[in-house]
């Protein structure tokens, strides 16, 4: 068995590197790694549990809309024996507003969720939906056959499949262990 088989594939490696370059830092920027933000989030969670059911807003919900993740659709990645399956949640996005592109070993999913404004003397009290451009960059494993990629779109979910190809077996050499004298 190859040791590489035990390590999970990092599908987001290229995306993390790209974001690190945009921020001008080595590695990735994770706002939730800041101890003060973690403390603030914990205090919000405490208030949520104290005032639950009294009519106060849910304080911790605000953390789900931090700018770093604002326009990143959620991605589910799974593997079967013969294929990889990627599901991307893009509710409110039209099929023709999504673009798929393969560059080297990177699948780039990009698009835009457009804000449709309807004005009829309405008073807007709160907006929780995110609008704007988004991009996800997934690093494709070596055994994914990018030549036979398939994509389908239904009910706001983009489903992408890659057949898996057989990789040449690594050459292993058995080493004899001799008794020490």
Protein backbone atom coordinates (compact mmCIF):
# COMPACT_ATOMS: atom_id res chain seq x y z
CA UNK A 1 0.00 0.00 0.00
CA UNK A 2 1.23 3.46 -0.89
CA UNK A 3 1.43 5.94 2.01
CA UNK A 4 -0.09 8.61 -0.26
CA UNK A 5 -3.30 6.54 -0.31
CA UNK A 6 -3.74 7.16 3.43
CA UNK A 7 -3.55 10.96 3.15
CA UNK A 8 -6.82 12.61 2.03
CA UNK A 9 -6.55 14.59 -1.18
CA UNK A 10 -6.54 18.36 -0.65
CA UNK A 11 -9.16 19.50 -3.14
CA UNK A 12 -8.85 23.13 -2.03
CA UNK A 13 -5.05 23.41 -2.26
CA UNK A 14 -5.03 25.70 -5.32
CA UNK A 15 -7.89 27.82 -3.98
CA UNK A 16 -6.08 28.35 -0.66
CA UNK A 17 -2.85 29.29 -2.46
CA UNK A 18 -4.73 31.69 -4.74
CA UNK A 19 -6.45 33.40 -1.78
CA UNK A 20 -3.13 33.66 0.06
CA UNK A 21 -1.58 35.44 -2.95
CA UNK A 22 -4.56 37.83 -3.18
CA UNK A 23 -4.11 38.74 0.49
CA UNK A 24 -0.34 39.03 0.13
CA UNK A 25 0.40 36.45 2.81
CA UNK A 26 2.00 33.06 2.78
CA UNK A 27 -0.62 30.44 3.41
CA UNK A 28 -4.28 31.28 3.84
CA UNK A 29 -6.06 33.92 5.85
CA UNK A 30 -8.69 32.54 8.14
CA UNK A 31 -10.50 35.28 10.05
CA UNK A 32 -11.86 32.69 12.47
CA UNK A 33 -8.30 31.84 13.57
CA UNK A 34 -8.02 35.22 15.30
CA UNK A 35 -8.38 34.64 19.08
CA UNK A 36 -10.45 37.82 19.57
CA UNK A 37 -12.91 36.77 16.88
CA UNK A 38 -13.15 33.31 18.45
CA UNK A 39 -13.86 34.91 21.85
CA UNK A 40 -16.49 37.22 20.30
CA UNK A 41 -18.15 34.25 18.61
CA UNK A 42 -18.20 32.30 21.89
CA UNK A 43 -19.81 35.23 23.74
CA UNK A 44 -22.44 35.48 20.97
CA UNK A 45 -23.15 31.76 21.36
CA UNK A 46 -23.55 32.25 25.12
CA UNK A 47 -26.05 35.09 24.58
CA UNK A 48 -27.91 32.96 22.02
CA UNK A 49 -28.40 30.21 24.58
CA UNK A 50 -29.46 32.66 27.34
CA UNK A 51 -32.02 34.55 25.26
CA UNK A 52 -33.27 31.66 23.15
CA UNK A 53 -37.01 31.92 22.56
CA UNK A 54 -37.34 35.45 24.01
CA UNK A 55 -37.45 37.21 20.64
CA UNK A 56 -33.85 38.41 20.46
CA UNK A 57 -31.96 37.99 17.19
CA UNK A 58 -29.59 35.07 16.80
CA UNK A 59 -26.17 36.67 17.36
CA UNK A 60 -24.08 33.76 16.06
CA UNK A 61 -25.85 33.76 12.66
CA UNK A 62 -23.87 36.86 11.76
CA UNK A 63 -20.66 34.80 11.64
CA UNK A 64 -21.96 32.81 8.68
CA UNK A 65 -21.78 36.00 6.58
CA UNK A 66 -18.19 37.06 7.15
CA UNK A 67 -16.73 38.66 4.00
CA UNK A 68 -14.16 35.89 3.41
CA UNK A 69 -16.93 33.38 2.67
CA UNK A 70 -19.61 35.72 1.39
CA UNK A 71 -19.75 34.55 -2.22
CA UNK A 72 -18.42 31.01 -1.93
CA UNK A 73 -21.02 28.41 -2.78
CA UNK A 74 -20.94 25.33 -0.57
CA UNK A 75 -19.27 22.32 -2.16
CA UNK A 76 -19.74 18.62 -1.36
CA UNK A 77 -17.04 16.29 -2.68
CA UNK A 78 -17.39 12.51 -2.61
CA UNK A 79 -15.72 9.54 -4.23
CA UNK A 80 -16.94 6.19 -5.42
CA UNK A 81 -14.86 3.35 -6.78
CA UNK A 82 -15.22 4.55 -10.36
CA UNK A 83 -15.89 8.33 -10.07
CA UNK A 84 -15.61 11.56 -8.13
CA UNK A 85 -18.78 13.57 -7.54
CA UNK A 86 -18.80 17.30 -6.79
CA UNK A 87 -22.05 19.05 -5.85
CA UNK A 88 -22.11 22.85 -5.73
CA UNK A 89 -25.01 24.73 -4.14
CA UNK A 90 -25.87 27.80 -6.20
CA UNK A 91 -29.47 28.71 -5.34
CA UNK A 92 -30.81 31.69 -7.24
CA UNK A 93 -28.15 31.40 -9.95
CA UNK A 94 -29.17 30.70 -13.52
CA UNK A 95 -27.43 27.86 -15.37
CA UNK A 96 -26.05 30.24 -18.02
CA UNK A 97 -24.50 32.43 -15.26
CA UNK A 98 -22.14 29.60 -14.24
CA UNK A 99 -18.83 28.90 -15.96
CA UNK A 100 -16.73 25.72 -15.63
CA UNK A 101 -13.13 25.71 -16.75
CA UNK A 102 -10.20 23.26 -16.44
CA UNK A 103 -6.70 24.74 -16.16
CA UNK A 104 -3.97 22.16 -15.75
CA UNK A 105 -5.16 20.15 -12.73
CA UNK A 106 -7.58 22.80 -11.42
CA UNK A 107 -11.35 22.94 -11.93
CA UNK A 108 -12.54 26.55 -11.74
CA UNK A 109 -16.23 27.10 -10.98
CA UNK A 110 -17.23 30.73 -11.34
CA UNK A 111 -20.36 32.76 -11.84
CA UNK A 112 -22.54 35.49 -10.52
CA UNK A 113 -25.66 35.63 -8.42
CA UNK A 114 -27.48 38.68 -9.68
CA UNK A 115 -29.49 40.91 -7.38
CA UNK A 116 -32.97 41.32 -8.81
CA UNK A 117 -34.54 44.45 -7.40
CA UNK A 118 -38.28 44.97 -7.42
CA UNK A 119 -39.44 48.31 -6.10
CA UNK A 120 -43.10 48.71 -5.14
CA UNK A 121 -42.91 51.12 -2.22
CA UNK A 122 -41.47 48.31 -0.11
CA UNK A 123 -39.43 48.97 2.99
CA UNK A 124 -36.44 46.68 3.24
CA UNK A 125 -35.67 45.78 6.84
CA UNK A 126 -32.99 43.11 6.50
CA UNK A 127 -31.02 41.45 3.69
CA UNK A 128 -29.39 38.12 4.48
CA UNK A 129 -28.91 36.77 0.98
CA UNK A 130 -25.54 37.27 -0.69
CA UNK A 131 -25.19 38.55 -4.23
CA UNK A 132 -22.23 38.99 -6.50
CA UNK A 133 -19.50 37.09 -8.25
CA UNK A 134 -18.13 33.85 -6.88
CA UNK A 135 -15.29 31.47 -7.68
CA UNK A 136 -14.21 28.08 -6.37
CA UNK A 137 -10.94 26.43 -7.41
CA UNK A 138 -10.73 22.66 -6.90
CA UNK A 139 -7.48 20.77 -7.30
CA UNK A 140 -8.25 17.58 -9.20
CA UNK A 141 -6.57 14.35 -8.03
CA UNK A 142 -4.17 12.52 -10.29
CA UNK A 143 -6.58 9.64 -10.89
CA UNK A 144 -9.48 11.87 -12.06
CA UNK A 145 -10.05 11.73 -15.81
CA UNK A 146 -10.50 15.42 -16.69
CA UNK A 147 -11.09 14.55 -20.35
CA UNK A 148 -14.45 12.94 -19.53
CA UNK A 149 -15.85 15.49 -17.08
CA UNK A 150 -19.66 15.81 -16.99
CA UNK A 151 -21.79 18.54 -15.45
CA UNK A 152 -25.53 18.89 -14.90
CA UNK A 153 -27.62 21.59 -13.24
CA UNK A 154 -30.94 21.06 -11.47
CA UNK A 155 -32.81 22.97 -8.76
CA UNK A 156 -29.89 25.25 -7.90
CA UNK A 157 -27.36 22.41 -7.56
CA UNK A 158 -24.51 21.94 -10.02
CA UNK A 159 -23.35 18.31 -10.14
CA UNK A 160 -19.94 17.56 -11.65
CA UNK A 161 -18.60 14.04 -12.15
CA UNK A 162 -15.12 12.82 -13.04
CA UNK A 163 -14.52 9.17 -13.92
CA UNK A 164 -11.55 7.70 -12.07
CA UNK A 165 -8.75 6.16 -14.09
CA UNK A 166 -6.36 3.42 -13.15
CA UNK A 167 -2.96 4.71 -12.12
CA UNK A 168 0.11 2.63 -12.80
CA UNK A 169 1.00 0.60 -9.75
CA UNK A 170 4.03 1.84 -7.89
CA UNK A 171 7.02 -0.42 -8.11
CA UNK A 172 7.85 -1.96 -4.78
CA UNK A 173 10.98 -3.82 -3.93
CA UNK A 174 11.07 -6.25 -1.04
CA UNK A 175 14.12 -5.84 1.14
CA UNK A 176 15.46 -8.81 2.97
CA UNK A 177 16.20 -8.33 6.66
CA UNK A 178 19.27 -10.19 7.85
CA UNK A 179 19.98 -11.26 11.40
CA UNK A 180 22.59 -9.20 13.16
CA UNK A 181 25.54 -11.14 14.47
